[in-house]
Amino acid sequence: MKKFMNRAETLVAESLAGFVAAHERLVVFGADSRFVRRRNLRPDKVALISGGGAGHEPMHVGFVGEGMLDAACTGHVFTSPTPDQIIAAIRETDRGEGCLLIVKNYDGDVMNFEMAAELAAEHRIATVIVRDDVNPSGSKRSQGRRGVAGTLVFEKLLGAAAEARWRLDDLSALGEDLNDRIRTVGVSLSGVTVPETERETFVLNEDEMEMGVGIHGEPGRARLKFATADEIVETMLKAILKDLEPKRSDKLLLFINGFGGTPVSELYLAYNSTRARLQSLGLTVARSLVGTYVTSLGMAGLSITVAGLEERELSLWDAPVNTAALRWGG
């Protein structure tokens, strides 16, 4: 295994130190370097906190800043942050308006964030569990739909609403509503090698692909024969549209996300194919995002996220954002 690292056990800490140093105008370490937070916390807004295992960068630390998260807690590679990390983030970022925890639906994440909320009961806390995966059976890591690349959409919309001073109950209600209107499916052409174990998560033949993968290097729900990009997109969109059932009057956000090992040119090719297919069905793509944002280490693969957004959410999507990974407006 060849990776740019010193030791597997220090990889995450050294990477986070580099991230904070590189983006020091936007972020700082929280107490005892247990989490990353906005450099300038606002006293008049609900604090948004998310997190998960390392290996998904730029999510979540890359989304800390104006218009998105106030803090992100990072565990070891593909391992949930501890309750102590989350409690420290709650206590440091809550300036009186409460905290909204945005949690991907994986057993470890849900358990540790719930435990932290219970132990920090002196704060007003609400939790949104992200469930955007099209696969309702989940995986060995989760019960039900997993939280995958659509988590970015939750964090952007809720972050903009918090910046506009929405109250905690209203933010929680929006998050729950979004769970019915955002769907994601992923495909992979390879497994990944986890630094601590030096083992590849799964192995494919040259003519195979994994359909329905998550973001922890785990296998998908079906192993299929490799096909052309148009055919792959057709399979992915069929699953999304069957689940989402958008109407022709809906305005859609189309997000093509790379898993860490897919060239940008291939992501844009997939976007072109996906958009053309949606338009052929009479559906309107109102907003778009293409890039590598929610990764699975260096997995060769991508995901398609489709979200049906109302006018208020379109405005929230367009609102200024200033983070290491997302930046527009303002």
C-alpha atoms as a PDB file:
ATOM      1  CA  MET A   1       0.000   0.000   0.000  1.00  0.00           C
ATOM      2  CA  LYS A   2       1.433   3.357  -1.061  1.00  0.00           C
ATOM      3  CA  LYS A   3      -0.012   6.495   0.552  1.00  0.00           C
ATOM      4  CA  PHE A   4       1.345   9.920   1.399  1.00  0.00           C
ATOM      5  CA  MET A   5       1.463   9.416   5.144  1.00  0.00           C
ATOM      6  CA  ASN A   6       3.863   8.911   8.012  1.00  0.00           C
ATOM      7  CA  ARG A   7       1.955   6.415  10.138  1.00  0.00           C
ATOM      8  CA  ALA A   8      -1.610   5.181   9.744  1.00  0.00           C
ATOM      9  CA  GLU A   9      -2.451   6.040  13.356  1.00  0.00           C
ATOM     10  CA  THR A  10      -1.440   9.715  12.908  1.00  0.00           C
ATOM     11  CA  LEU A  11      -2.866  10.235   9.430  1.00  0.00           C
ATOM     12  CA  VAL A  12      -6.121  11.890  10.508  1.00  0.00           C
ATOM     13  CA  ALA A  13      -4.566  14.208  13.098  1.00  0.00           C
ATOM     14  CA  GLU A  14      -1.845  15.374  10.728  1.00  0.00           C
ATOM     15  CA  SER A  15      -4.328  15.880   7.905  1.00  0.00           C
ATOM     16  CA  LEU A  16      -6.644  17.967  10.103  1.00  0.00           C
ATOM     17  CA  ALA A  17      -3.692  20.066  11.288  1.00  0.00           C
ATOM     18  CA  GLY A  18      -2.841  20.794   7.671  1.00  0.00           C
ATOM     19  CA  PHE A  19      -6.443  21.610   6.836  1.00  0.00           C
ATOM     20  CA  VAL A  20      -6.795  24.115   9.682  1.00  0.00           C
ATOM     21  CA  ALA A  21      -3.461  25.746   8.847  1.00  0.00           C
ATOM     22  CA  ALA A  22      -4.355  26.034   5.155  1.00  0.00           C
ATOM     23  CA  HIS A  23      -7.751  27.616   5.877  1.00  0.00           C
ATOM     24  CA  GLU A  24      -6.908  29.631   8.984  1.00  0.00           C
ATOM     25  CA  ARG A  25      -9.022  32.583   7.835  1.00  0.00           C
ATOM     26  CA  LEU A  26     -12.116  30.391   7.967  1.00  0.00           C
ATOM     27  CA  VAL A  27     -11.594  27.789  10.696  1.00  0.00           C
ATOM     28  CA  VAL A  28      -9.780  26.988  13.935  1.00  0.00           C
ATOM     29  CA  PHE A  29      -9.477  23.936  16.134  1.00  0.00           C
ATOM     30  CA  GLY A  30     -11.918  23.733  19.019  1.00  0.00           C
ATOM     31  CA  ALA A  31     -10.947  22.801  22.562  1.00  0.00           C
ATOM     32  CA  ASP A  32      -8.050  20.303  22.701  1.00  0.00           C
ATOM     33  CA  SER A  33      -8.188  19.966  18.896  1.00  0.00           C
ATOM     34  CA  ARG A  34     -11.191  17.651  19.239  1.00  0.00           C
ATOM     35  CA  PHE A  35     -13.145  19.328  16.425  1.00  0.00           C
ATOM     36  CA  VAL A  36     -12.917  22.047  13.770  1.00  0.00           C
ATOM     37  CA  ARG A  37     -15.111  25.138  14.054  1.00  0.00           C
ATOM     38  CA  ARG A  38     -15.763  28.447  12.375  1.00  0.00           C
ATOM     39  CA  ARG A  39     -13.209  31.056  13.327  1.00  0.00           C
ATOM     40  CA  ASN A  40     -15.932  33.657  13.897  1.00  0.00           C
ATOM     41  CA  LEU A  41     -18.986  32.260  15.696  1.00  0.00           C
ATOM     42  CA  ARG A  42     -22.175  34.319  15.555  1.00  0.00           C
ATOM     43  CA  PRO A  43     -24.077  34.866  18.815  1.00  0.00           C
ATOM     44  CA  ASP A  44     -27.494  35.237  17.150  1.00  0.00           C
ATOM     45  CA  LYS A  45     -27.930  31.951  15.281  1.00  0.00           C
ATOM     46  CA  VAL A  46     -28.498  28.258  15.871  1.00  0.00           C
ATOM     47  CA  ALA A  47     -25.209  26.341  15.749  1.00  0.00           C
ATOM     48  CA  LEU A  48     -24.998  23.542  13.167  1.00  0.00           C
ATOM     49  CA  ILE A  49     -22.765  20.578  13.991  1.00  0.00           C
ATOM     50  CA  SER A  50     -22.038  17.506  11.896  1.00  0.00           C
ATOM     51  CA  GLY A  51     -19.283  14.959  11.548  1.00  0.00           C
ATOM     52  CA  GLY A  52     -18.287  11.406  10.861  1.00  0.00           C
ATOM     53  CA  GLY A  53     -15.248   9.317  10.116  1.00  0.00           C
ATOM     54  CA  ALA A  54     -12.290  10.636   8.174  1.00  0.00           C
ATOM     55  CA  GLY A  55     -12.002   9.462   4.590  1.00  0.00           C
ATOM     56  CA  HIS A  56     -14.958  11.501   3.287  1.00  0.00           C
ATOM     57  CA  GLU A  57     -13.090  14.785   2.817  1.00  0.00           C
ATOM     58  CA  PRO A  58     -13.856  17.510   2.007  1.00  0.00           C
ATOM     59  CA  MET A  59     -17.050  16.530   3.892  1.00  0.00           C
ATOM     60  CA  HIS A  60     -17.466  17.529   6.755  1.00  0.00           C
ATOM     61  CA  VAL A  61     -14.597  19.831   7.722  1.00  0.00           C
ATOM     62  CA  GLY A  62     -14.618  21.407   4.267  1.00  0.00           C
ATOM     63  CA  PHE A  63     -18.169  22.610   4.885  1.00  0.00           C
ATOM     64  CA  VAL A  64     -17.366  24.552   8.065  1.00  0.00           C
ATOM     65  CA  GLY A  65     -17.805  28.273   7.589  1.00  0.00           C
ATOM     66  CA  GLU A  66     -20.279  31.007   6.755  1.00  0.00           C
ATOM     67  CA  GLY A  67     -23.520  29.624   5.381  1.00  0.00           C
ATOM     68  CA  MET A  68     -22.928  25.991   6.367  1.00  0.00           C
ATOM     69  CA  LEU A  69     -21.573  24.305   9.501  1.00  0.00           C
ATOM     70  CA  ASP A  70     -20.355  25.867  12.722  1.00  0.00           C
ATOM     71  CA  ALA A  71     -18.384  22.761  13.683  1.00  0.00           C
ATOM     72  CA  ALA A  72     -17.378  19.336  12.376  1.00  0.00           C
ATOM     73  CA  CYS A  73     -16.190  16.379  14.462  1.00  0.00           C
ATOM     74  CA  THR A  74     -13.907  13.853  12.766  1.00  0.00           C
ATOM     75  CA  GLY A  75     -13.220  10.289  13.872  1.00  0.00           C
ATOM     76  CA  HIS A  76     -10.618   7.864  12.571  1.00  0.00           C
ATOM     77  CA  VAL A  77     -10.996   6.642   8.989  1.00  0.00           C
ATOM     78  CA  PHE A  78     -14.582   5.418   8.505  1.00  0.00           C
ATOM     79  CA  THR A  79     -15.105   5.572  12.291  1.00  0.00           C
ATOM     80  CA  SER A  80     -17.624   7.779  14.091  1.00  0.00           C
ATOM     81  CA  PRO A  81     -16.442  10.689  16.252  1.00  0.00           C
ATOM     82  CA  THR A  82     -16.728  10.074  19.987  1.00  0.00           C
ATOM     83  CA  PRO A  83     -19.454  11.586  22.187  1.00  0.00           C
ATOM     84  CA  ASP A  84     -16.762  13.655  23.965  1.00  0.00           C
ATOM     85  CA  GLN A  85     -15.827  15.339  20.695  1.00  0.00           C
ATOM     86  CA  ILE A  86     -19.440  16.156  19.926  1.00  0.00           C
ATOM     87  CA  ILE A  87     -20.176  17.447  23.452  1.00  0.00           C
ATOM     88  CA  ALA A  88     -17.139  19.733  23.255  1.00  0.00           C
ATOM     89  CA  ALA A  89     -18.402  21.113  19.938  1.00  0.00           C
ATOM     90  CA  ILE A  90     -21.896  21.705  21.351  1.00  0.00           C
ATOM     91  CA  ARG A  91     -20.576  23.573  24.386  1.00  0.00           C
ATOM     92  CA  GLU A  92     -18.225  25.761  22.369  1.00  0.00           C
ATOM     93  CA  THR A  93     -20.521  26.695  19.484  1.00  0.00           C
ATOM     94  CA  ASP A  94     -23.896  27.148  21.217  1.00  0.00           C
ATOM     95  CA  ARG A  95     -24.190  30.872  21.850  1.00  0.00           C
ATOM     96  CA  GLY A  96     -27.721  30.748  23.211  1.00  0.00           C
ATOM     97  CA  GLU A  97     -29.905  29.749  20.269  1.00  0.00           C
ATOM     98  CA  GLY A  98     -29.352  25.995  20.553  1.00  0.00           C
ATOM     99  CA  CYS A  99     -27.680  23.387  18.314  1.00  0.00           C
ATOM    100  CA  LEU A 100     -28.851  21.369  15.338  1.00  0.00           C
ATOM    101  CA  LEU A 101     -26.990  18.078  14.887  1.00  0.00           C
ATOM    102  CA  ILE A 102     -26.889  16.820  11.280  1.00  0.00           C
ATOM    103  CA  VAL A 103     -26.171  13.082  11.407  1.00  0.00           C
ATOM    104  CA  LYS A 104     -25.739  10.567   8.598  1.00  0.00           C
ATOM    105  CA  ASN A 105     -27.789   7.429   9.160  1.00  0.00           C
ATOM    106  CA  TYR A 106     -25.039   5.030  10.212  1.00  0.00           C
ATOM    107  CA  ASP A 107     -25.363   3.125  13.455  1.00  0.00           C
ATOM    108  CA  GLY A 108     -22.160   4.466  15.019  1.00  0.00           C
ATOM    109  CA  ASP A 109     -22.851   8.085  14.072  1.00  0.00           C
ATOM    110  CA  VAL A 110     -26.444   7.944  15.302  1.00  0.00           C
ATOM    111  CA  MET A 111     -25.482   6.280  18.595  1.00  0.00           C
ATOM    112  CA  ASN A 112     -22.652   8.700  19.419  1.00  0.00           C
ATOM    113  CA  PHE A 113     -24.523  11.856  18.454  1.00  0.00           C
ATOM    114  CA  GLU A 114     -27.566  10.714  20.460  1.00  0.00           C
ATOM    115  CA  MET A 115     -25.373   9.991  23.475  1.00  0.00           C
ATOM    116  CA  ALA A 116     -23.739  13.413  23.188  1.00  0.00           C
ATOM    117  CA  ALA A 117     -27.126  15.133  23.019  1.00  0.00           C
ATOM    118  CA  GLU A 118     -28.238  13.316  26.172  1.00  0.00           C
ATOM    119  CA  LEU A 119     -25.052  14.222  28.044  1.00  0.00           C
ATOM    120  CA  ALA A 120     -25.285  17.871  26.966  1.00  0.00           C
ATOM    121  CA  ALA A 121     -28.918  18.173  28.038  1.00  0.00           C
ATOM    122  CA  GLU A 122     -28.355  21.676  29.428  1.00  0.00           C
ATOM    123  CA  HIS A 123     -28.361  22.851  25.790  1.00  0.00           C
ATOM    124  CA  ARG A 124     -31.366  23.001  23.459  1.00  0.00           C
ATOM    125  CA  ILE A 125     -30.581  20.376  20.833  1.00  0.00           C
ATOM    126  CA  ALA A 126     -32.412  18.991  17.821  1.00  0.00           C
ATOM    127  CA  THR A 127     -31.184  16.244  15.505  1.00  0.00           C
ATOM    128  CA  VAL A 128     -31.740  15.621  11.798  1.00  0.00           C
ATOM    129  CA  ILE A 129     -30.892  12.104  10.581  1.00  0.00           C
ATOM    130  CA  VAL A 130     -29.954  12.203   6.890  1.00  0.00           C
ATOM    131  CA  ARG A 131     -31.453   9.321   4.864  1.00  0.00           C
ATOM    132  CA  ASP A 132     -30.925  10.079   1.172  1.00  0.00           C
ATOM    133  CA  ASP A 133     -29.745   6.662  -0.074  1.00  0.00           C
ATOM    134  CA  VAL A 134     -32.131   4.947  -2.478  1.00  0.00           C
ATOM    135  CA  ASN A 135     -31.445   1.577  -0.860  1.00  0.00           C
ATOM    136  CA  PRO A 136     -34.017   1.214   1.956  1.00  0.00           C
ATOM    137  CA  SER A 137     -32.318  -1.892   3.351  1.00  0.00           C
ATOM    138  CA  GLY A 138     -29.132   0.026   4.132  1.00  0.00           C
ATOM    139  CA  SER A 139     -26.058  -2.061   4.938  1.00  0.00           C
ATOM    140  CA  LYS A 140     -24.372  -3.738   7.883  1.00  0.00           C
ATOM    141  CA  ARG A 141     -23.476  -0.208   9.056  1.00  0.00           C
ATOM    142  CA  SER A 142     -27.008   1.181   9.145  1.00  0.00           C
ATOM    143  CA  GLN A 143     -30.670   0.440   9.702  1.00  0.00           C
ATOM    144  CA  GLY A 144     -32.655   1.768   6.758  1.00  0.00           C
ATOM    145  CA  ARG A 145     -31.531   4.360   4.245  1.00  0.00           C
ATOM    146  CA  ARG A 146     -27.967   5.581   4.674  1.00  0.00           C
ATOM    147  CA  GLY A 147     -26.844   9.194   4.678  1.00  0.00           C
ATOM    148  CA  VAL A 148     -24.567   9.626   1.676  1.00  0.00           C
ATOM    149  CA  ALA A 149     -23.710  12.463  -0.753  1.00  0.00           C
ATOM    150  CA  GLY A 150     -27.076  14.162  -0.258  1.00  0.00           C
ATOM    151  CA  THR A 151     -25.749  15.171   3.172  1.00  0.00           C
ATOM    152  CA  LEU A 152     -24.065  18.100   1.412  1.00  0.00           C
ATOM    153  CA  VAL A 153     -27.464  19.383   0.279  1.00  0.00           C
ATOM    154  CA  PHE A 154     -28.826  19.164   3.834  1.00  0.00           C
ATOM    155  CA  GLU A 155     -25.847  21.036   5.241  1.00  0.00           C
ATOM    156  CA  LYS A 156     -26.004  23.770   2.598  1.00  0.00           C
ATOM    157  CA  LEU A 157     -29.740  24.409   2.897  1.00  0.00           C
ATOM    158  CA  LEU A 158     -29.870  24.178   6.688  1.00  0.00           C
ATOM    159  CA  GLY A 159     -26.699  26.241   6.979  1.00  0.00           C
ATOM    160  CA  ALA A 160     -28.188  29.028   4.880  1.00  0.00           C
ATOM    161  CA  ALA A 161     -31.412  28.922   6.886  1.00  0.00           C
ATOM    162  CA  ALA A 162     -29.487  29.134  10.159  1.00  0.00           C
ATOM    163  CA  GLU A 163     -27.504  32.067   8.774  1.00  0.00           C
ATOM    164  CA  ALA A 164     -30.862  33.727   8.041  1.00  0.00           C
ATOM    165  CA  ARG A 165     -31.700  33.236  11.739  1.00  0.00           C
ATOM    166  CA  TRP A 166     -34.269  30.462  11.436  1.00  0.00           C
ATOM    167  CA  ARG A 167     -35.186  29.071  14.838  1.00  0.00           C
ATOM    168  CA  LEU A 168     -34.183  25.584  15.968  1.00  0.00           C
ATOM    169  CA  ASP A 169     -37.643  24.029  15.559  1.00  0.00           C
ATOM    170  CA  ASP A 170     -37.972  25.422  12.037  1.00  0.00           C
ATOM    171  CA  LEU A 171     -34.564  24.100  11.027  1.00  0.00           C
ATOM    172  CA  SER A 172     -35.422  20.664  12.378  1.00  0.00           C
ATOM    173  CA  ALA A 173     -38.717  20.637  10.477  1.00  0.00           C
ATOM    174  CA  LEU A 174     -36.977  21.599   7.224  1.00  0.00           C
ATOM    175  CA  GLY A 175     -34.436  18.822   7.695  1.00  0.00           C
ATOM    176  CA  GLU A 176     -37.108  16.197   8.199  1.00  0.00           C
ATOM    177  CA  ASP A 177     -38.994  17.474   5.153  1.00  0.00           C
ATOM    178  CA  LEU A 178     -35.882  17.220   2.976  1.00  0.00           C
ATOM    179  CA  ASN A 179     -35.570  13.507   3.725  1.00  0.00           C
ATOM    180  CA  ASP A 180     -38.565  12.889   1.473  1.00  0.00           C
ATOM    181  CA  ARG A 181     -37.185  14.948  -1.418  1.00  0.00           C
ATOM    182  CA  ILE A 182     -33.509  14.012  -1.783  1.00  0.00           C
ATOM    183  CA  ARG A 183     -32.268  10.709  -3.194  1.00  0.00           C
ATOM    184  CA  THR A 184     -28.782   9.414  -4.039  1.00  0.00           C
ATOM    185  CA  VAL A 185     -27.353   6.299  -5.642  1.00  0.00           C
ATOM    186  CA  GLY A 186     -23.651   5.464  -6.005  1.00  0.00           C
ATOM    187  CA  VAL A 187     -21.630   3.226  -8.307  1.00  0.00           C
ATOM    188  CA  SER A 188     -18.038   2.051  -7.907  1.00  0.00           C
ATOM    189  CA  LEU A 189     -15.424   0.564 -10.198  1.00  0.00           C
ATOM    190  CA  SER A 190     -13.123  -0.478  -7.350  1.00  0.00           C
ATOM    191  CA  GLY A 191     -12.886  -1.044  -3.628  1.00  0.00           C
ATOM    192  CA  VAL A 192     -10.630   1.033  -1.391  1.00  0.00           C
ATOM    193  CA  THR A 193      -7.720   0.230   0.900  1.00  0.00           C
ATOM    194  CA  VAL A 194      -8.172   1.395   4.507  1.00  0.00           C
ATOM    195  CA  PRO A 195      -4.826   2.622   5.933  1.00  0.00           C
ATOM    196  CA  GLU A 196      -5.174   0.947   9.331  1.00  0.00           C
ATOM    197  CA  THR A 197      -5.878  -2.524   7.914  1.00  0.00           C
ATOM    198  CA  GLU A 198      -4.134  -2.269   4.511  1.00  0.00           C
ATOM    199  CA  ARG A 199      -6.957  -4.403   3.145  1.00  0.00           C
ATOM    200  CA  GLU A 200      -9.043  -3.668   0.072  1.00  0.00           C
ATOM    201  CA  THR A 201     -12.744  -3.535   0.960  1.00  0.00           C
ATOM    202  CA  PHE A 202     -13.795  -5.520  -2.116  1.00  0.00           C
ATOM    203  CA  VAL A 203     -12.286  -6.634  -5.412  1.00  0.00           C
ATOM    204  CA  LEU A 204     -13.906  -6.428  -8.840  1.00  0.00           C
ATOM    205  CA  ASN A 205     -13.066  -8.117 -12.093  1.00  0.00           C
ATOM    206  CA  GLU A 206     -12.286  -5.916 -15.089  1.00  0.00           C
ATOM    207  CA  ASP A 207     -15.808  -6.320 -16.456  1.00  0.00           C
ATOM    208  CA  GLU A 208     -17.671  -5.646 -13.158  1.00  0.00           C
ATOM    209  CA  MET A 209     -19.004  -2.683 -11.154  1.00  0.00           C
ATOM    210  CA  GLU A 210     -20.728  -2.308  -7.780  1.00  0.00           C
ATOM    211  CA  MET A 211     -24.118  -0.578  -7.921  1.00  0.00           C
ATOM    212  CA  GLY A 212     -25.605   1.026  -4.810  1.00  0.00           C
ATOM    213  CA  VAL A 213     -22.391   1.567  -2.842  1.00  0.00           C
ATOM    214  CA  GLY A 214     -22.176   3.746   0.259  1.00  0.00           C
ATOM    215  CA  ILE A 215     -19.309   6.018   1.297  1.00  0.00           C
ATOM    216  CA  HIS A 216     -17.334   3.641   3.546  1.00  0.00           C
ATOM    217  CA  GLY A 217     -15.816   1.501   0.827  1.00  0.00           C
ATOM    218  CA  GLU A 218     -18.489  -1.115   1.369  1.00  0.00           C
ATOM    219  CA  PRO A 219     -19.898  -3.256  -1.473  1.00  0.00           C
ATOM    220  CA  GLY A 220     -23.147  -2.203  -3.117  1.00  0.00           C
ATOM    221  CA  ARG A 221     -26.514  -3.886  -3.427  1.00  0.00           C
ATOM    222  CA  ALA A 222     -25.700  -5.518  -6.798  1.00  0.00           C
ATOM    223  CA  ARG A 223     -22.618  -6.498  -8.780  1.00  0.00           C
ATOM    224  CA  LEU A 224     -23.289  -5.755 -12.444  1.00  0.00           C
ATOM    225  CA  LYS A 225     -21.453  -6.031 -15.722  1.00  0.00           C
ATOM    226  CA  PHE A 226     -19.564  -2.870 -16.610  1.00  0.00           C
ATOM    227  CA  ALA A 227     -21.354  -0.788 -19.257  1.00  0.00           C
ATOM    228  CA  THR A 228     -21.209   2.527 -21.085  1.00  0.00           C
ATOM    229  CA  ALA A 229     -21.656   5.761 -19.143  1.00  0.00           C
ATOM    230  CA  ASP A 230     -25.131   6.297 -20.605  1.00  0.00           C
ATOM    231  CA  GLU A 231     -26.193   2.796 -19.578  1.00  0.00           C
ATOM    232  CA  ILE A 232     -24.804   3.243 -16.062  1.00  0.00           C
ATOM    233  CA  VAL A 233     -26.599   6.578 -15.660  1.00  0.00           C
ATOM    234  CA  GLU A 234     -29.820   5.018 -16.946  1.00  0.00           C
ATOM    235  CA  THR A 235     -29.637   2.311 -14.255  1.00  0.00           C
ATOM    236  CA  MET A 236     -28.898   4.828 -11.498  1.00  0.00           C
ATOM    237  CA  LEU A 237     -31.570   7.311 -12.541  1.00  0.00           C
ATOM    238  CA  LYS A 238     -34.189   4.585 -12.830  1.00  0.00           C
ATOM    239  CA  ALA A 239     -33.674   3.759  -9.148  1.00  0.00           C
ATOM    240  CA  ILE A 240     -33.744   7.421  -8.097  1.00  0.00           C
ATOM    241  CA  LEU A 241     -36.838   8.394 -10.081  1.00  0.00           C
ATOM    242  CA  LYS A 242     -38.779   5.324  -8.977  1.00  0.00           C
ATOM    243  CA  ASP A 243     -38.145   6.391  -5.382  1.00  0.00           C
ATOM    244  CA  LEU A 244     -38.446  10.162  -5.749  1.00  0.00           C
ATOM    245  CA  GLU A 245     -41.329  10.284  -8.267  1.00  0.00           C
ATOM    246  CA  PRO A 246     -40.752  13.925  -9.337  1.00  0.00           C
ATOM    247  CA  LYS A 247     -43.430  15.872 -11.191  1.00  0.00           C
ATOM    248  CA  ARG A 248     -42.808  17.864 -14.353  1.00  0.00           C
ATOM    249  CA  SER A 249     -43.494  21.045 -12.416  1.00  0.00           C
ATOM    250  CA  ASP A 250     -40.739  20.273  -9.878  1.00  0.00           C
ATOM    251  CA  LYS A 251     -37.454  22.140  -9.922  1.00  0.00           C
ATOM    252  CA  LEU A 252     -34.566  19.757  -9.436  1.00  0.00           C
ATOM    253  CA  LEU A 253     -31.064  20.062  -8.075  1.00  0.00           C
ATOM    254  CA  LEU A 254     -28.705  17.672  -9.856  1.00  0.00           C
ATOM    255  CA  PHE A 255     -25.494  16.843  -7.984  1.00  0.00           C
ATOM    256  CA  ILE A 256     -22.813  14.579  -9.469  1.00  0.00           C
ATOM    257  CA  ASN A 257     -20.274  13.633  -6.803  1.00  0.00           C
ATOM    258  CA  GLY A 258     -16.918  11.909  -7.175  1.00  0.00           C
ATOM    259  CA  PHE A 259     -15.775   9.331  -4.607  1.00  0.00           C
ATOM    260  CA  GLY A 260     -12.130  10.422  -4.677  1.00  0.00           C
ATOM    261  CA  GLY A 261     -10.619   8.536  -7.601  1.00  0.00           C
ATOM    262  CA  THR A 262     -12.739   9.686 -10.548  1.00  0.00           C
ATOM    263  CA  PRO A 263     -11.418  12.331 -12.977  1.00  0.00           C
ATOM    264  CA  VAL A 264     -13.406  15.546 -13.226  1.00  0.00           C
ATOM    265  CA  SER A 265     -13.862  14.989 -16.961  1.00  0.00           C
ATOM    266  CA  GLU A 266     -15.767  11.778 -16.221  1.00  0.00           C
ATOM    267  CA  LEU A 267     -17.939  13.526 -13.624  1.00  0.00           C
ATOM    268  CA  TYR A 268     -18.975  16.142 -16.168  1.00  0.00           C
ATOM    269  CA  LEU A 269     -19.633  13.428 -18.745  1.00  0.00           C
ATOM    270  CA  ALA A 270     -21.930  11.737 -16.233  1.00  0.00           C
ATOM    271  CA  TYR A 271     -23.613  15.085 -15.533  1.00  0.00           C
ATOM    272  CA  ASN A 272     -24.221  15.622 -19.253  1.00  0.00           C
ATOM    273  CA  SER A 273     -25.739  12.171 -19.617  1.00  0.00           C
ATOM    274  CA  THR A 274     -27.887  12.521 -16.484  1.00  0.00           C
ATOM    275  CA  ARG A 275     -29.184  15.971 -17.371  1.00  0.00           C
ATOM    276  CA  ALA A 276     -30.053  14.892 -20.917  1.00  0.00           C
ATOM    277  CA  ARG A 277     -31.997  11.923 -19.551  1.00  0.00           C
ATOM    278  CA  LEU A 278     -33.922  14.086 -17.071  1.00  0.00           C
ATOM    279  CA  GLN A 279     -34.768  16.608 -19.779  1.00  0.00           C
ATOM    280  CA  SER A 280     -35.959  13.852 -22.105  1.00  0.00           C
ATOM    281  CA  LEU A 281     -38.487  12.974 -19.388  1.00  0.00           C
ATOM    282  CA  GLY A 282     -39.721  16.564 -19.242  1.00  0.00           C
ATOM    283  CA  LEU A 283     -38.010  17.285 -15.901  1.00  0.00           C
ATOM    284  CA  THR A 284     -36.323  20.611 -15.139  1.00  0.00           C
ATOM    285  CA  VAL A 285     -32.798  20.866 -13.737  1.00  0.00           C
ATOM    286  CA  ALA A 286     -32.863  24.197 -11.927  1.00  0.00           C
ATOM    287  CA  ARG A 287     -29.555  23.971 -10.042  1.00  0.00           C
ATOM    288  CA  SER A 288     -26.391  21.924 -10.541  1.00  0.00           C
ATOM    289  CA  LEU A 289     -23.252  20.894  -8.692  1.00  0.00           C
ATOM    290  CA  VAL A 290     -20.430  18.726 -10.035  1.00  0.00           C
ATOM    291  CA  GLY A 291     -17.266  17.786  -8.185  1.00  0.00           C
ATOM    292  CA  THR A 292     -15.526  15.656  -5.583  1.00  0.00           C
ATOM    293  CA  TYR A 293     -17.166  16.567  -2.274  1.00  0.00           C
ATOM    294  CA  VAL A 294     -18.220  13.384  -0.415  1.00  0.00           C
ATOM    295  CA  THR A 295     -15.503  10.808  -0.854  1.00  0.00           C
ATOM    296  CA  SER A 296     -14.721   7.233   0.089  1.00  0.00           C
ATOM    297  CA  LEU A 297     -10.930   7.664   0.324  1.00  0.00           C
ATOM    298  CA  GLY A 298      -9.726   7.113  -3.251  1.00  0.00           C
ATOM    299  CA  MET A 299     -12.607   5.034  -4.575  1.00  0.00           C
ATOM    300  CA  ALA A 300     -13.085   5.081  -8.342  1.00  0.00           C
ATOM    301  CA  GLY A 301     -16.776   5.839  -8.622  1.00  0.00           C
ATOM    302  CA  LEU A 302     -19.440   8.481  -8.418  1.00  0.00           C
ATOM    303  CA  SER A 303     -22.917   9.155  -7.131  1.00  0.00           C
ATOM    304  CA  ILE A 304     -25.950  10.923  -8.523  1.00  0.00           C
ATOM    305  CA  THR A 305     -28.114  12.996  -6.188  1.00  0.00           C
ATOM    306  CA  VAL A 306     -31.445  14.459  -7.281  1.00  0.00           C
ATOM    307  CA  ALA A 307     -33.336  16.821  -4.988  1.00  0.00           C
ATOM    308  CA  GLY A 308     -36.758  18.339  -5.537  1.00  0.00           C
ATOM    309  CA  LEU A 309     -36.557  21.891  -4.211  1.00  0.00           C
ATOM    310  CA  GLU A 310     -39.233  24.492  -3.585  1.00  0.00           C
ATOM    311  CA  GLU A 311     -38.660  28.206  -4.114  1.00  0.00           C
ATOM    312  CA  ARG A 312     -37.512  28.775  -0.535  1.00  0.00           C
ATOM    313  CA  GLU A 313     -34.932  25.999  -0.829  1.00  0.00           C
ATOM    314  CA  LEU A 314     -33.690  27.339  -4.167  1.00  0.00           C
ATOM    315  CA  SER A 315     -33.104  30.665  -2.417  1.00  0.00           C
ATOM    316  CA  LEU A 316     -31.293  28.891   0.406  1.00  0.00           C
ATOM    317  CA  TRP A 317     -29.119  27.036  -2.098  1.00  0.00           C
ATOM    318  CA  ASP A 318     -28.258  30.323  -3.829  1.00  0.00           C
ATOM    319  CA  ALA A 319     -27.466  32.096  -0.531  1.00  0.00           C
ATOM    320  CA  PRO A 320     -23.802  33.052   0.032  1.00  0.00           C
ATOM    321  CA  VAL A 321     -21.491  30.359   1.347  1.00  0.00           C
ATOM    322  CA  ASN A 322     -17.848  30.698   2.336  1.00  0.00           C
ATOM    323  CA  THR A 323     -16.154  27.411   3.270  1.00  0.00           C
ATOM    324  CA  ALA A 324     -13.015  25.623   2.189  1.00  0.00           C
ATOM    325  CA  ALA A 325     -14.931  23.357  -0.218  1.00  0.00           C
ATOM    326  CA  LEU A 326     -17.965  25.448  -1.253  1.00  0.00           C
ATOM    327  CA  ARG A 327     -17.860  29.163  -1.957  1.00  0.00           C
ATOM    328  CA  TRP A 328     -20.208  31.419  -3.876  1.00  0.00           C
ATOM    329  CA  GLY A 329     -22.163  34.685  -3.537  1.00  0.00           C
ATOM    330  CA  GLY A 330     -21.500  37.416  -1.020  1.00  0.00           C
END
